[in-house]
């Protein structure tokens, strides 16, 4: 996996991740301040979608599908 860190915008880290076998992703990671709850720091209020899964979980799920299934989805 390759990634580029574009720095911190307010309390949000911005990355571009290139994951072999999955593709390229733009990732926003909120760094919580001391005492800040997950709900207060979440990006949900922005309306941005979330994968909700780690790359390793996506790769494992992909490995469980057959090449024919992947071609059909693709």
C-alpha atoms as a PDB file:
ATOM      1  CA  UNK A   1       0.000   0.000   0.000  1.00  0.00           C
ATOM      2  CA  UNK A   2       1.229   3.464  -0.866  1.00  0.00           C
ATOM      3  CA  UNK A   3      -0.125   6.564   0.793  1.00  0.00           C
ATOM      4  CA  UNK A   4       0.415  10.277   0.682  1.00  0.00           C
ATOM      5  CA  UNK A   5      -0.327  12.425   3.711  1.00  0.00           C
ATOM      6  CA  UNK A   6      -1.575  15.848   2.687  1.00  0.00           C
ATOM      7  CA  UNK A   7      -1.445  17.138   6.238  1.00  0.00           C
ATOM      8  CA  UNK A   8      -3.873  18.232   8.860  1.00  0.00           C
ATOM      9  CA  UNK A   9      -6.859  20.446   8.101  1.00  0.00           C
ATOM     10  CA  UNK A  10      -8.270  21.576  11.425  1.00  0.00           C
ATOM     11  CA  UNK A  11      -8.381  18.228  13.233  1.00  0.00           C
ATOM     12  CA  UNK A  12      -8.704  16.092  10.094  1.00  0.00           C
ATOM     13  CA  UNK A  13      -5.843  14.247   8.394  1.00  0.00           C
ATOM     14  CA  UNK A  14      -6.185  13.935   4.622  1.00  0.00           C
ATOM     15  CA  UNK A  15      -4.568  10.928   2.887  1.00  0.00           C
ATOM     16  CA  UNK A  16      -4.594   9.373  -0.549  1.00  0.00           C
ATOM     17  CA  UNK A  17      -4.158   5.597  -0.268  1.00  0.00           C
ATOM     18  CA  UNK A  18      -3.302   3.333  -3.205  1.00  0.00           C
ATOM     19  CA  UNK A  19      -4.167  -0.228  -2.214  1.00  0.00           C
ATOM     20  CA  UNK A  20      -3.052  -2.997  -4.555  1.00  0.00           C
ATOM     21  CA  UNK A  21      -6.054  -5.048  -5.601  1.00  0.00           C
ATOM     22  CA  UNK A  22      -8.593  -2.484  -4.346  1.00  0.00           C
ATOM     23  CA  UNK A  23      -7.778   0.828  -5.966  1.00  0.00           C
ATOM     24  CA  UNK A  24      -7.222   4.395  -4.834  1.00  0.00           C
ATOM     25  CA  UNK A  25      -8.954   6.024  -1.882  1.00  0.00           C
ATOM     26  CA  UNK A  26      -9.237   9.503  -0.447  1.00  0.00           C
ATOM     27  CA  UNK A  27      -9.270   9.144   3.320  1.00  0.00           C
ATOM     28  CA  UNK A  28     -10.258  11.640   5.999  1.00  0.00           C
ATOM     29  CA  UNK A  29      -9.183  10.708   9.529  1.00  0.00           C
ATOM     30  CA  UNK A  30     -10.378  12.876  12.392  1.00  0.00           C
ATOM     31  CA  UNK A  31      -7.928  13.266  15.278  1.00  0.00           C
ATOM     32  CA  UNK A  32      -9.994  13.644  18.433  1.00  0.00           C
ATOM     33  CA  UNK A  33      -9.048  16.352  20.893  1.00  0.00           C
ATOM     34  CA  UNK A  34      -8.599  15.377  24.568  1.00  0.00           C
ATOM     35  CA  UNK A  35     -12.036  14.806  26.068  1.00  0.00           C
ATOM     36  CA  UNK A  36     -13.797  14.960  22.685  1.00  0.00           C
ATOM     37  CA  UNK A  37     -16.266  12.154  21.976  1.00  0.00           C
ATOM     38  CA  UNK A  38     -16.355  10.188  18.728  1.00  0.00           C
ATOM     39  CA  UNK A  39     -19.749  11.728  17.895  1.00  0.00           C
ATOM     40  CA  UNK A  40     -18.384  15.259  18.342  1.00  0.00           C
ATOM     41  CA  UNK A  41     -15.402  14.603  16.101  1.00  0.00           C
ATOM     42  CA  UNK A  42     -17.010  12.420  13.452  1.00  0.00           C
ATOM     43  CA  UNK A  43     -17.323  13.370   9.812  1.00  0.00           C
ATOM     44  CA  UNK A  44     -20.947  12.200   9.702  1.00  0.00           C
ATOM     45  CA  UNK A  45     -22.191  15.771   9.731  1.00  0.00           C
ATOM     46  CA  UNK A  46     -20.382  16.395   6.440  1.00  0.00           C
ATOM     47  CA  UNK A  47     -22.426  13.769   4.620  1.00  0.00           C
ATOM     48  CA  UNK A  48     -19.268  12.028   3.383  1.00  0.00           C
ATOM     49  CA  UNK A  49     -19.622   8.266   2.961  1.00  0.00           C
ATOM     50  CA  UNK A  50     -17.561   5.892   5.053  1.00  0.00           C
ATOM     51  CA  UNK A  51     -16.183   2.509   4.070  1.00  0.00           C
ATOM     52  CA  UNK A  52     -16.724   1.263   7.576  1.00  0.00           C
ATOM     53  CA  UNK A  53     -14.183  -1.499   6.938  1.00  0.00           C
ATOM     54  CA  UNK A  54     -10.419  -1.759   7.028  1.00  0.00           C
ATOM     55  CA  UNK A  55      -8.566  -2.400   3.786  1.00  0.00           C
ATOM     56  CA  UNK A  56      -7.526  -5.837   5.045  1.00  0.00           C
ATOM     57  CA  UNK A  57     -11.209  -6.773   5.521  1.00  0.00           C
ATOM     58  CA  UNK A  58     -12.018  -5.639   1.977  1.00  0.00           C
ATOM     59  CA  UNK A  59      -9.076  -7.633   0.601  1.00  0.00           C
ATOM     60  CA  UNK A  60     -10.173 -10.769   2.506  1.00  0.00           C
ATOM     61  CA  UNK A  61     -13.732 -10.414   1.202  1.00  0.00           C
ATOM     62  CA  UNK A  62     -12.390  -9.984  -2.323  1.00  0.00           C
ATOM     63  CA  UNK A  63     -10.231 -13.116  -1.956  1.00  0.00           C
ATOM     64  CA  UNK A  64     -13.336 -15.147  -1.074  1.00  0.00           C
ATOM     65  CA  UNK A  65     -14.986 -14.314  -4.414  1.00  0.00           C
ATOM     66  CA  UNK A  66     -14.233 -16.156  -7.633  1.00  0.00           C
ATOM     67  CA  UNK A  67     -12.730 -14.411 -10.678  1.00  0.00           C
ATOM     68  CA  UNK A  68     -16.063 -14.865 -12.469  1.00  0.00           C
ATOM     69  CA  UNK A  69     -17.915 -13.097  -9.626  1.00  0.00           C
ATOM     70  CA  UNK A  70     -15.403 -10.220  -9.698  1.00  0.00           C
ATOM     71  CA  UNK A  71     -15.767  -9.862 -13.493  1.00  0.00           C
ATOM     72  CA  UNK A  72     -19.547  -9.730 -13.157  1.00  0.00           C
ATOM     73  CA  UNK A  73     -19.347  -7.023 -10.426  1.00  0.00           C
ATOM     74  CA  UNK A  74     -16.725  -5.042 -12.255  1.00  0.00           C
END
